[in-house]
N, C-alpha and C. Protein backbone atom coordinates (compact mmCIF):
# COMPACT_ATOMS: atom_id res chain seq x y z
N MET A 1 -33.81 -26.49 175.33
CA MET A 1 -33.79 -27.77 174.64
C MET A 1 -32.74 -28.69 175.24
N SER A 2 -31.75 -28.14 175.92
CA SER A 2 -30.69 -28.95 176.50
C SER A 2 -31.25 -29.94 177.52
N ALA A 3 -32.22 -29.53 178.32
CA ALA A 3 -32.81 -30.44 179.31
C ALA A 3 -33.55 -31.58 178.61
N LEU A 4 -34.26 -31.26 177.53
CA LEU A 4 -34.97 -32.30 176.78
C LEU A 4 -33.99 -33.27 176.13
N LEU A 5 -32.87 -32.75 175.67
CA LEU A 5 -31.86 -33.61 175.06
C LEU A 5 -31.25 -34.55 176.10
N LYS A 6 -31.03 -34.04 177.31
CA LYS A 6 -30.52 -34.90 178.38
C LYS A 6 -31.54 -35.97 178.74
N LEU A 7 -32.81 -35.59 178.80
CA LEU A 7 -33.87 -36.56 179.05
C LEU A 7 -33.92 -37.59 177.93
N SER A 8 -33.73 -37.14 176.69
CA SER A 8 -33.69 -38.03 175.54
C SER A 8 -32.57 -39.05 175.68
N PHE A 9 -31.40 -38.60 176.12
CA PHE A 9 -30.28 -39.52 176.31
C PHE A 9 -30.58 -40.52 177.43
N GLY A 10 -31.33 -40.10 178.44
CA GLY A 10 -31.75 -41.02 179.50
C GLY A 10 -32.67 -42.10 178.96
N VAL A 11 -33.61 -41.71 178.10
CA VAL A 11 -34.50 -42.69 177.46
C VAL A 11 -33.68 -43.63 176.58
N ASP A 12 -32.72 -43.08 175.85
CA ASP A 12 -31.84 -43.91 175.01
C ASP A 12 -31.10 -44.94 175.86
N TRP A 13 -30.63 -44.52 177.02
CA TRP A 13 -29.90 -45.40 177.92
C TRP A 13 -30.79 -46.55 178.37
N ILE A 14 -32.03 -46.24 178.73
CA ILE A 14 -32.98 -47.28 179.14
C ILE A 14 -33.25 -48.24 177.99
N SER A 15 -33.48 -47.68 176.80
CA SER A 15 -33.76 -48.53 175.63
C SER A 15 -32.59 -49.45 175.32
N GLU A 16 -31.38 -48.93 175.44
CA GLU A 16 -30.20 -49.75 175.18
C GLU A 16 -30.11 -50.90 176.18
N ARG A 17 -30.35 -50.62 177.45
CA ARG A 17 -30.29 -51.67 178.47
C ARG A 17 -31.38 -52.72 178.24
N LEU A 18 -32.58 -52.27 177.92
CA LEU A 18 -33.66 -53.22 177.67
C LEU A 18 -33.40 -54.02 176.38
N GLY A 19 -32.73 -53.42 175.42
CA GLY A 19 -32.33 -54.15 174.22
C GLY A 19 -31.36 -55.27 174.57
N ARG A 20 -30.49 -55.03 175.54
CA ARG A 20 -29.57 -56.08 175.99
C ARG A 20 -30.34 -57.20 176.69
N VAL A 21 -31.34 -56.82 177.48
CA VAL A 21 -32.19 -57.83 178.13
C VAL A 21 -32.88 -58.67 177.06
N ALA A 22 -33.38 -58.01 176.01
CA ALA A 22 -34.04 -58.74 174.92
C ALA A 22 -33.04 -59.68 174.24
N SER A 23 -31.80 -59.25 174.08
CA SER A 23 -30.78 -60.12 173.47
C SER A 23 -30.53 -61.35 174.34
N LEU A 24 -30.47 -61.16 175.63
CA LEU A 24 -30.28 -62.31 176.53
C LEU A 24 -31.50 -63.22 176.50
N ALA A 25 -32.68 -62.64 176.33
CA ALA A 25 -33.89 -63.45 176.24
C ALA A 25 -33.88 -64.33 175.00
N VAL A 26 -33.25 -63.85 173.92
CA VAL A 26 -33.11 -64.69 172.71
C VAL A 26 -32.29 -65.93 173.05
N LEU A 27 -31.18 -65.74 173.72
CA LEU A 27 -30.33 -66.87 174.11
C LEU A 27 -31.09 -67.81 175.04
N LEU A 28 -31.76 -67.25 176.02
CA LEU A 28 -32.51 -68.06 176.97
C LEU A 28 -33.61 -68.85 176.27
N THR A 29 -34.29 -68.22 175.33
CA THR A 29 -35.34 -68.90 174.57
C THR A 29 -34.76 -70.07 173.77
N ALA A 30 -33.61 -69.85 173.15
CA ALA A 30 -32.97 -70.93 172.38
C ALA A 30 -32.57 -72.09 173.29
N LEU A 31 -32.04 -71.78 174.46
CA LEU A 31 -31.64 -72.83 175.40
C LEU A 31 -32.85 -73.61 175.91
N ILE A 32 -33.92 -72.89 176.23
CA ILE A 32 -35.13 -73.55 176.70
C ILE A 32 -35.71 -74.43 175.59
N SER A 33 -35.71 -73.91 174.38
CA SER A 33 -36.24 -74.68 173.25
C SER A 33 -35.43 -75.96 173.04
N ALA A 34 -34.12 -75.85 173.07
CA ALA A 34 -33.27 -77.03 172.89
C ALA A 34 -33.46 -78.01 174.05
N GLY A 35 -33.51 -77.49 175.25
CA GLY A 35 -33.72 -78.36 176.42
C GLY A 35 -35.07 -79.04 176.36
N ASN A 36 -36.09 -78.30 175.95
CA ASN A 36 -37.43 -78.88 175.84
C ASN A 36 -37.46 -79.98 174.80
N ALA A 37 -36.81 -79.75 173.66
CA ALA A 37 -36.77 -80.78 172.61
C ALA A 37 -36.01 -82.02 173.11
N PHE A 38 -34.91 -81.81 173.80
CA PHE A 38 -34.13 -82.92 174.34
C PHE A 38 -34.97 -83.77 175.29
N VAL A 39 -35.63 -83.10 176.24
CA VAL A 39 -36.43 -83.81 177.24
C VAL A 39 -37.63 -84.50 176.59
N ARG A 40 -38.24 -83.83 175.62
CA ARG A 40 -39.43 -84.38 174.98
C ARG A 40 -39.11 -85.61 174.14
N TYR A 41 -38.06 -85.55 173.33
CA TYR A 41 -37.80 -86.63 172.38
C TYR A 41 -36.90 -87.73 172.93
N LEU A 42 -36.04 -87.39 173.85
CA LEU A 42 -35.15 -88.43 174.38
C LEU A 42 -35.68 -89.06 175.66
N LEU A 43 -36.34 -88.27 176.49
CA LEU A 43 -36.82 -88.80 177.77
C LEU A 43 -38.33 -88.98 177.79
N ASP A 44 -38.99 -88.57 176.73
CA ASP A 44 -40.45 -88.68 176.60
C ASP A 44 -41.19 -87.99 177.76
N ILE A 45 -40.67 -86.83 178.16
CA ILE A 45 -41.31 -86.01 179.20
C ILE A 45 -41.69 -84.69 178.55
N SER A 46 -42.85 -84.17 178.91
CA SER A 46 -43.30 -82.95 178.26
C SER A 46 -44.02 -82.04 179.25
N SER A 47 -43.95 -80.75 178.99
CA SER A 47 -44.70 -79.79 179.79
C SER A 47 -45.06 -78.60 178.90
N ASN A 48 -46.33 -78.26 178.90
CA ASN A 48 -46.77 -77.08 178.15
C ASN A 48 -46.19 -75.80 178.73
N GLY A 49 -45.87 -75.82 180.00
CA GLY A 49 -45.28 -74.65 180.65
C GLY A 49 -43.98 -74.22 179.97
N TRP A 50 -43.17 -75.19 179.57
CA TRP A 50 -41.91 -74.87 178.90
C TRP A 50 -42.14 -74.26 177.52
N LEU A 51 -43.16 -74.73 176.83
CA LEU A 51 -43.50 -74.13 175.54
C LEU A 51 -44.01 -72.71 175.72
N GLU A 52 -44.85 -72.52 176.74
CA GLU A 52 -45.42 -71.20 176.97
C GLU A 52 -44.38 -70.19 177.43
N ILE A 53 -43.42 -70.62 178.21
CA ILE A 53 -42.38 -69.68 178.65
C ILE A 53 -41.59 -69.17 177.45
N GLN A 54 -41.45 -70.00 176.41
CA GLN A 54 -40.80 -69.53 175.18
C GLN A 54 -41.62 -68.42 174.53
N TRP A 55 -42.93 -68.58 174.52
CA TRP A 55 -43.80 -67.55 173.94
C TRP A 55 -43.72 -66.27 174.76
N TYR A 56 -43.67 -66.42 176.08
CA TYR A 56 -43.58 -65.24 176.95
C TYR A 56 -42.26 -64.51 176.70
N LEU A 57 -41.20 -65.28 176.59
CA LEU A 57 -39.90 -64.67 176.31
C LEU A 57 -39.89 -64.00 174.94
N PHE A 58 -40.54 -64.60 173.98
CA PHE A 58 -40.63 -63.99 172.65
C PHE A 58 -41.35 -62.65 172.74
N ALA A 59 -42.41 -62.58 173.54
CA ALA A 59 -43.11 -61.30 173.74
C ALA A 59 -42.14 -60.27 174.32
N GLY A 60 -41.33 -60.69 175.28
CA GLY A 60 -40.34 -59.79 175.86
C GLY A 60 -39.29 -59.36 174.85
N ILE A 61 -38.86 -60.29 174.03
CA ILE A 61 -37.85 -59.98 173.01
C ILE A 61 -38.37 -58.88 172.08
N VAL A 62 -39.58 -59.06 171.58
CA VAL A 62 -40.14 -58.10 170.64
C VAL A 62 -40.43 -56.77 171.31
N MET A 63 -41.12 -56.80 172.44
CA MET A 63 -41.60 -55.56 173.04
C MET A 63 -40.49 -54.78 173.77
N LEU A 64 -39.49 -55.46 174.29
CA LEU A 64 -38.38 -54.75 174.93
C LEU A 64 -37.30 -54.40 173.92
N GLY A 65 -37.23 -55.14 172.83
CA GLY A 65 -36.23 -54.87 171.80
C GLY A 65 -36.64 -53.78 170.83
N ALA A 66 -37.93 -53.58 170.65
CA ALA A 66 -38.41 -52.58 169.67
C ALA A 66 -37.92 -51.16 169.96
N PRO A 67 -37.93 -50.68 171.20
CA PRO A 67 -37.39 -49.33 171.43
C PRO A 67 -35.91 -49.22 171.06
N ALA A 68 -35.14 -50.26 171.31
CA ALA A 68 -33.71 -50.25 170.96
C ALA A 68 -33.54 -50.20 169.45
N VAL A 69 -34.38 -50.92 168.73
CA VAL A 69 -34.32 -50.90 167.27
C VAL A 69 -34.67 -49.51 166.74
N LEU A 70 -35.67 -48.89 167.33
CA LEU A 70 -36.04 -47.52 166.93
C LEU A 70 -34.90 -46.55 167.23
N ARG A 71 -34.26 -46.70 168.38
CA ARG A 71 -33.14 -45.84 168.76
C ARG A 71 -32.00 -45.94 167.76
N LEU A 72 -31.74 -47.15 167.28
CA LEU A 72 -30.66 -47.36 166.31
C LEU A 72 -31.07 -47.02 164.89
N ASN A 73 -32.31 -46.63 164.71
CA ASN A 73 -32.84 -46.28 163.39
C ASN A 73 -32.75 -47.47 162.43
N GLU A 74 -32.99 -48.67 162.97
CA GLU A 74 -32.91 -49.90 162.19
C GLU A 74 -34.29 -50.48 161.92
N HIS A 75 -35.32 -49.71 162.18
CA HIS A 75 -36.69 -50.19 161.98
C HIS A 75 -37.02 -50.24 160.50
N VAL A 76 -38.12 -50.90 160.18
CA VAL A 76 -38.53 -51.08 158.79
C VAL A 76 -39.07 -49.77 158.23
N ARG A 77 -38.64 -49.43 157.06
CA ARG A 77 -39.18 -48.28 156.34
C ARG A 77 -39.10 -48.56 154.86
N VAL A 78 -39.87 -47.85 154.09
CA VAL A 78 -39.85 -48.02 152.64
C VAL A 78 -38.81 -47.06 152.09
N ASP A 79 -37.69 -47.61 151.63
CA ASP A 79 -36.58 -46.78 151.17
C ASP A 79 -36.71 -46.33 149.72
N LEU A 80 -37.79 -46.68 149.07
CA LEU A 80 -37.97 -46.33 147.67
C LEU A 80 -37.83 -44.82 147.47
N ILE A 81 -38.49 -44.06 148.28
CA ILE A 81 -38.42 -42.59 148.20
C ILE A 81 -37.43 -42.06 149.23
N TYR A 82 -37.49 -42.59 150.43
CA TYR A 82 -36.69 -42.10 151.54
C TYR A 82 -35.19 -42.10 151.20
N GLY A 83 -34.72 -43.15 150.56
CA GLY A 83 -33.31 -43.27 150.22
C GLY A 83 -32.83 -42.25 149.21
N LYS A 84 -33.75 -41.66 148.47
CA LYS A 84 -33.38 -40.66 147.46
C LYS A 84 -33.43 -39.23 148.00
N LEU A 85 -33.93 -39.06 149.23
CA LEU A 85 -34.05 -37.72 149.79
C LEU A 85 -32.68 -37.17 150.17
N LYS A 86 -32.51 -35.88 149.98
CA LYS A 86 -31.24 -35.21 150.26
C LYS A 86 -31.44 -34.16 151.34
N GLY A 87 -30.33 -33.73 151.91
CA GLY A 87 -30.36 -32.65 152.90
C GLY A 87 -31.12 -33.06 154.16
N ASN A 88 -31.97 -32.17 154.63
CA ASN A 88 -32.72 -32.43 155.85
C ASN A 88 -34.05 -33.13 155.60
N TRP A 89 -34.37 -33.43 154.36
CA TRP A 89 -35.66 -34.05 154.06
C TRP A 89 -35.88 -35.38 154.77
N PRO A 90 -34.86 -36.25 154.89
CA PRO A 90 -35.10 -37.48 155.66
C PRO A 90 -35.50 -37.20 157.11
N VAL A 91 -34.94 -36.14 157.68
CA VAL A 91 -35.27 -35.77 159.06
C VAL A 91 -36.74 -35.34 159.14
N TYR A 92 -37.17 -34.54 158.17
CA TYR A 92 -38.57 -34.10 158.16
C TYR A 92 -39.52 -35.28 157.96
N VAL A 93 -39.16 -36.21 157.10
CA VAL A 93 -39.99 -37.40 156.89
C VAL A 93 -40.07 -38.21 158.18
N ASP A 94 -38.93 -38.37 158.86
CA ASP A 94 -38.94 -39.10 160.13
C ASP A 94 -39.81 -38.39 161.17
N LEU A 95 -39.67 -37.09 161.27
CA LEU A 95 -40.50 -36.34 162.22
C LEU A 95 -41.98 -36.52 161.93
N PHE A 96 -42.35 -36.45 160.65
CA PHE A 96 -43.74 -36.65 160.27
C PHE A 96 -44.22 -38.04 160.68
N GLY A 97 -43.42 -39.05 160.38
CA GLY A 97 -43.80 -40.42 160.73
C GLY A 97 -43.88 -40.65 162.23
N LEU A 98 -42.92 -40.09 162.95
CA LEU A 98 -42.92 -40.25 164.41
C LEU A 98 -44.14 -39.57 165.05
N ILE A 99 -44.43 -38.36 164.62
CA ILE A 99 -45.51 -37.57 165.23
C ILE A 99 -46.89 -38.06 164.81
N PHE A 100 -47.07 -38.36 163.54
CA PHE A 100 -48.41 -38.65 163.04
C PHE A 100 -48.74 -40.14 162.92
N PHE A 101 -47.74 -41.01 163.02
CA PHE A 101 -48.01 -42.44 162.93
C PHE A 101 -47.56 -43.18 164.18
N LEU A 102 -46.27 -43.13 164.49
CA LEU A 102 -45.75 -43.93 165.59
C LEU A 102 -46.40 -43.57 166.92
N LEU A 103 -46.35 -42.31 167.31
CA LEU A 103 -46.88 -41.92 168.62
C LEU A 103 -48.38 -42.22 168.77
N PRO A 104 -49.23 -41.84 167.80
CA PRO A 104 -50.65 -42.14 167.99
C PRO A 104 -50.96 -43.64 168.02
N VAL A 105 -50.34 -44.41 167.14
CA VAL A 105 -50.63 -45.84 167.08
C VAL A 105 -50.13 -46.55 168.33
N MET A 106 -48.90 -46.27 168.75
CA MET A 106 -48.36 -46.93 169.94
C MET A 106 -49.11 -46.51 171.20
N SER A 107 -49.52 -45.26 171.27
CA SER A 107 -50.32 -44.80 172.43
C SER A 107 -51.66 -45.52 172.47
N LEU A 108 -52.30 -45.64 171.32
CA LEU A 108 -53.58 -46.35 171.25
C LEU A 108 -53.41 -47.82 171.64
N MET A 109 -52.36 -48.43 171.15
CA MET A 109 -52.13 -49.84 171.48
C MET A 109 -51.89 -50.03 172.98
N ALA A 110 -51.12 -49.15 173.60
CA ALA A 110 -50.89 -49.23 175.05
C ALA A 110 -52.20 -49.04 175.80
N TYR A 111 -53.00 -48.07 175.35
CA TYR A 111 -54.30 -47.79 175.97
C TYR A 111 -55.23 -48.99 175.87
N LEU A 112 -55.25 -49.65 174.73
CA LEU A 112 -56.13 -50.80 174.53
C LEU A 112 -55.64 -52.05 175.27
N ALA A 113 -54.33 -52.19 175.42
CA ALA A 113 -53.77 -53.37 176.09
C ALA A 113 -53.91 -53.30 177.60
N TRP A 114 -53.92 -52.09 178.16
CA TRP A 114 -53.94 -51.94 179.62
C TRP A 114 -55.12 -52.64 180.29
N PRO A 115 -56.37 -52.44 179.82
CA PRO A 115 -57.49 -53.12 180.49
C PRO A 115 -57.39 -54.65 180.42
N LEU A 116 -56.84 -55.17 179.34
CA LEU A 116 -56.67 -56.61 179.23
C LEU A 116 -55.68 -57.12 180.27
N LEU A 117 -54.60 -56.38 180.47
CA LEU A 117 -53.62 -56.74 181.49
C LEU A 117 -54.26 -56.72 182.87
N VAL A 118 -54.98 -55.66 183.17
CA VAL A 118 -55.61 -55.54 184.50
C VAL A 118 -56.59 -56.69 184.73
N LYS A 119 -57.40 -57.01 183.73
CA LYS A 119 -58.37 -58.11 183.85
C LYS A 119 -57.65 -59.44 184.09
N MET A 120 -56.61 -59.70 183.32
CA MET A 120 -55.87 -60.95 183.50
C MET A 120 -55.22 -61.03 184.87
N TYR A 121 -54.71 -59.91 185.34
CA TYR A 121 -54.05 -59.89 186.65
C TYR A 121 -55.07 -60.12 187.77
N LEU A 122 -56.20 -59.42 187.71
CA LEU A 122 -57.19 -59.51 188.77
C LEU A 122 -57.88 -60.87 188.81
N THR A 123 -58.06 -61.49 187.66
CA THR A 123 -58.75 -62.79 187.61
C THR A 123 -57.78 -63.96 187.69
N HIS A 124 -56.48 -63.67 187.73
CA HIS A 124 -55.45 -64.71 187.76
C HIS A 124 -55.64 -65.70 186.60
N GLU A 125 -55.90 -65.14 185.42
CA GLU A 125 -56.17 -65.97 184.25
C GLU A 125 -54.98 -66.89 183.97
N MET A 126 -55.33 -68.14 183.73
CA MET A 126 -54.32 -69.17 183.44
C MET A 126 -54.51 -69.67 182.02
N SER A 127 -53.47 -70.21 181.48
CA SER A 127 -53.56 -70.86 180.18
C SER A 127 -54.48 -72.07 180.30
N SER A 128 -55.23 -72.35 179.27
CA SER A 128 -56.12 -73.51 179.30
C SER A 128 -55.38 -74.82 179.04
N ASN A 129 -54.11 -74.73 178.68
CA ASN A 129 -53.30 -75.93 178.45
C ASN A 129 -52.92 -76.58 179.77
N ALA A 130 -52.85 -77.89 179.79
CA ALA A 130 -52.39 -78.60 180.98
C ALA A 130 -50.96 -78.18 181.28
N GLY A 131 -50.71 -77.79 182.51
CA GLY A 131 -49.38 -77.34 182.89
C GLY A 131 -49.07 -75.94 182.40
N GLY A 132 -50.12 -75.23 181.96
CA GLY A 132 -49.92 -73.89 181.43
C GLY A 132 -49.62 -72.87 182.52
N LEU A 133 -49.22 -71.69 182.10
CA LEU A 133 -48.78 -70.64 183.02
C LEU A 133 -49.85 -69.56 183.17
N ILE A 134 -49.65 -68.71 184.17
CA ILE A 134 -50.51 -67.53 184.31
C ILE A 134 -50.22 -66.62 183.11
N ARG A 135 -51.22 -65.87 182.69
CA ARG A 135 -51.08 -65.12 181.44
C ARG A 135 -50.65 -63.67 181.60
N TRP A 136 -50.85 -63.08 182.77
CA TRP A 136 -50.59 -61.64 182.87
C TRP A 136 -49.14 -61.24 182.63
N PRO A 137 -48.12 -62.07 182.95
CA PRO A 137 -46.75 -61.61 182.64
C PRO A 137 -46.52 -61.38 181.14
N ALA A 138 -47.11 -62.23 180.32
CA ALA A 138 -46.97 -62.03 178.87
C ALA A 138 -47.74 -60.80 178.43
N MET A 139 -48.94 -60.62 178.98
CA MET A 139 -49.76 -59.45 178.62
C MET A 139 -49.11 -58.15 179.10
N LEU A 140 -48.35 -58.21 180.18
CA LEU A 140 -47.65 -57.03 180.69
C LEU A 140 -46.71 -56.46 179.64
N MET A 141 -46.15 -57.33 178.81
CA MET A 141 -45.21 -56.87 177.78
C MET A 141 -45.86 -55.91 176.78
N LEU A 142 -47.17 -56.04 176.55
CA LEU A 142 -47.82 -55.18 175.56
C LEU A 142 -47.87 -53.72 176.00
N PRO A 143 -48.56 -53.38 177.10
CA PRO A 143 -48.57 -51.95 177.45
C PRO A 143 -47.18 -51.41 177.81
N LEU A 144 -46.37 -52.25 178.43
CA LEU A 144 -45.01 -51.83 178.76
C LEU A 144 -44.21 -51.53 177.50
N GLY A 145 -44.22 -52.46 176.56
CA GLY A 145 -43.47 -52.28 175.32
C GLY A 145 -43.97 -51.11 174.50
N PHE A 146 -45.29 -50.98 174.35
CA PHE A 146 -45.84 -49.85 173.60
C PHE A 146 -45.49 -48.53 174.28
N GLY A 147 -45.56 -48.50 175.61
CA GLY A 147 -45.18 -47.29 176.33
C GLY A 147 -43.71 -46.94 176.14
N LEU A 148 -42.86 -47.95 176.15
CA LEU A 148 -41.43 -47.71 175.92
C LEU A 148 -41.15 -47.23 174.50
N ILE A 149 -41.91 -47.74 173.53
CA ILE A 149 -41.76 -47.27 172.16
C ILE A 149 -42.19 -45.81 172.06
N VAL A 150 -43.26 -45.42 172.77
CA VAL A 150 -43.69 -44.01 172.79
C VAL A 150 -42.57 -43.14 173.36
N LEU A 151 -41.98 -43.58 174.48
CA LEU A 151 -40.88 -42.80 175.07
C LEU A 151 -39.71 -42.67 174.11
N GLN A 152 -39.35 -43.77 173.45
CA GLN A 152 -38.24 -43.71 172.51
C GLN A 152 -38.60 -42.85 171.31
N GLY A 153 -39.86 -42.89 170.88
CA GLY A 153 -40.31 -42.02 169.80
C GLY A 153 -40.17 -40.55 170.17
N LEU A 154 -40.54 -40.22 171.40
CA LEU A 154 -40.37 -38.83 171.87
C LEU A 154 -38.89 -38.45 171.90
N SER A 155 -38.05 -39.39 172.32
CA SER A 155 -36.61 -39.16 172.32
C SER A 155 -36.10 -38.88 170.91
N GLU A 156 -36.59 -39.65 169.95
CA GLU A 156 -36.16 -39.46 168.56
C GLU A 156 -36.63 -38.11 168.02
N ILE A 157 -37.81 -37.69 168.40
CA ILE A 157 -38.31 -36.38 167.98
C ILE A 157 -37.41 -35.28 168.53
N VAL A 158 -37.07 -35.36 169.80
CA VAL A 158 -36.21 -34.36 170.42
C VAL A 158 -34.86 -34.30 169.70
N LYS A 159 -34.27 -35.46 169.43
CA LYS A 159 -32.96 -35.48 168.77
C LYS A 159 -33.03 -34.90 167.36
N ARG A 160 -34.10 -35.19 166.63
CA ARG A 160 -34.21 -34.67 165.27
C ARG A 160 -34.47 -33.17 165.26
N VAL A 161 -35.26 -32.68 166.19
CA VAL A 161 -35.48 -31.23 166.29
C VAL A 161 -34.17 -30.54 166.65
N CYS A 162 -33.42 -31.11 167.59
CA CYS A 162 -32.12 -30.54 167.96
C CYS A 162 -31.16 -30.59 166.78
N TYR A 163 -31.22 -31.66 166.00
CA TYR A 163 -30.39 -31.76 164.81
C TYR A 163 -30.72 -30.64 163.84
N LEU A 164 -31.99 -30.40 163.62
CA LEU A 164 -32.40 -29.33 162.70
C LEU A 164 -32.01 -27.95 163.22
N GLN A 165 -31.97 -27.80 164.54
CA GLN A 165 -31.56 -26.54 165.14
C GLN A 165 -30.05 -26.38 165.20
N GLY A 166 -29.34 -27.45 164.90
CA GLY A 166 -27.88 -27.39 164.92
C GLY A 166 -27.28 -27.61 166.29
N THR A 167 -28.06 -28.11 167.26
CA THR A 167 -27.54 -28.32 168.61
C THR A 167 -27.23 -29.78 168.88
N TYR A 168 -27.38 -30.63 167.89
CA TYR A 168 -27.10 -32.04 168.04
C TYR A 168 -26.50 -32.54 166.74
N GLN A 169 -25.34 -33.16 166.83
CA GLN A 169 -24.62 -33.64 165.66
C GLN A 169 -24.92 -35.11 165.42
N MET A 170 -25.16 -35.44 164.16
CA MET A 170 -25.33 -36.84 163.77
C MET A 170 -24.52 -37.03 162.50
N ASP A 171 -24.24 -38.30 162.16
CA ASP A 171 -23.45 -38.51 160.95
C ASP A 171 -24.26 -38.14 159.71
N THR A 172 -23.68 -38.30 158.55
CA THR A 172 -24.32 -37.82 157.32
C THR A 172 -25.66 -38.47 157.05
N HIS A 173 -25.82 -39.70 157.51
CA HIS A 173 -27.12 -40.37 157.36
C HIS A 173 -27.96 -40.18 158.61
N TYR A 174 -27.38 -39.57 159.61
CA TYR A 174 -27.93 -39.26 160.91
C TYR A 174 -28.56 -40.44 161.63
N GLU A 175 -28.19 -41.66 161.21
CA GLU A 175 -28.75 -42.82 161.90
C GLU A 175 -28.19 -42.98 163.30
N LYS A 176 -26.91 -42.70 163.46
CA LYS A 176 -26.31 -42.87 164.77
C LYS A 176 -25.61 -41.56 165.14
N PRO A 177 -25.74 -41.17 166.41
CA PRO A 177 -25.12 -39.91 166.81
C PRO A 177 -23.60 -39.96 166.71
N VAL A 178 -23.01 -38.83 166.36
CA VAL A 178 -21.56 -38.71 166.35
C VAL A 178 -21.11 -38.53 167.78
N GLN A 179 -20.16 -39.33 168.21
CA GLN A 179 -19.69 -39.25 169.60
C GLN A 179 -18.56 -38.26 169.73
């Protein structure tokens, strides 16, 4: 299990770095939005390309940031029952959710998004808006992001199994590893 745990830490490292990229994309999106508004309303110049790049960056923010959110255990869950669980029960609930919901759904989504990406790339599909951008870079975020979420999900499974085996320490809520 030690090799899997090391691989898990490698996936965590990648997710953390991509989360930082997503954070920078938030700043870049805000700057582009402000610049676009300035140019549009003060200089009466406009380009749909600037609006679309914001959408593309938003896709990157969500799809590259999601694995980092999963790694930090900050994703959305219903705490009505989960918050009342004691002992190792939260770990078992997480394992169930990761194995039977997250992995199958994210794998299916990556599988379904891939042909769309390939089609857009091969046909050089462009936005129908005047001054619009090519579409495949935004579509790339879907299979890439879903695949990264699957990898992070596998990492979380490994860490929780190691936690249950006593070979990996986490704090009392086990949200973040004890260093």
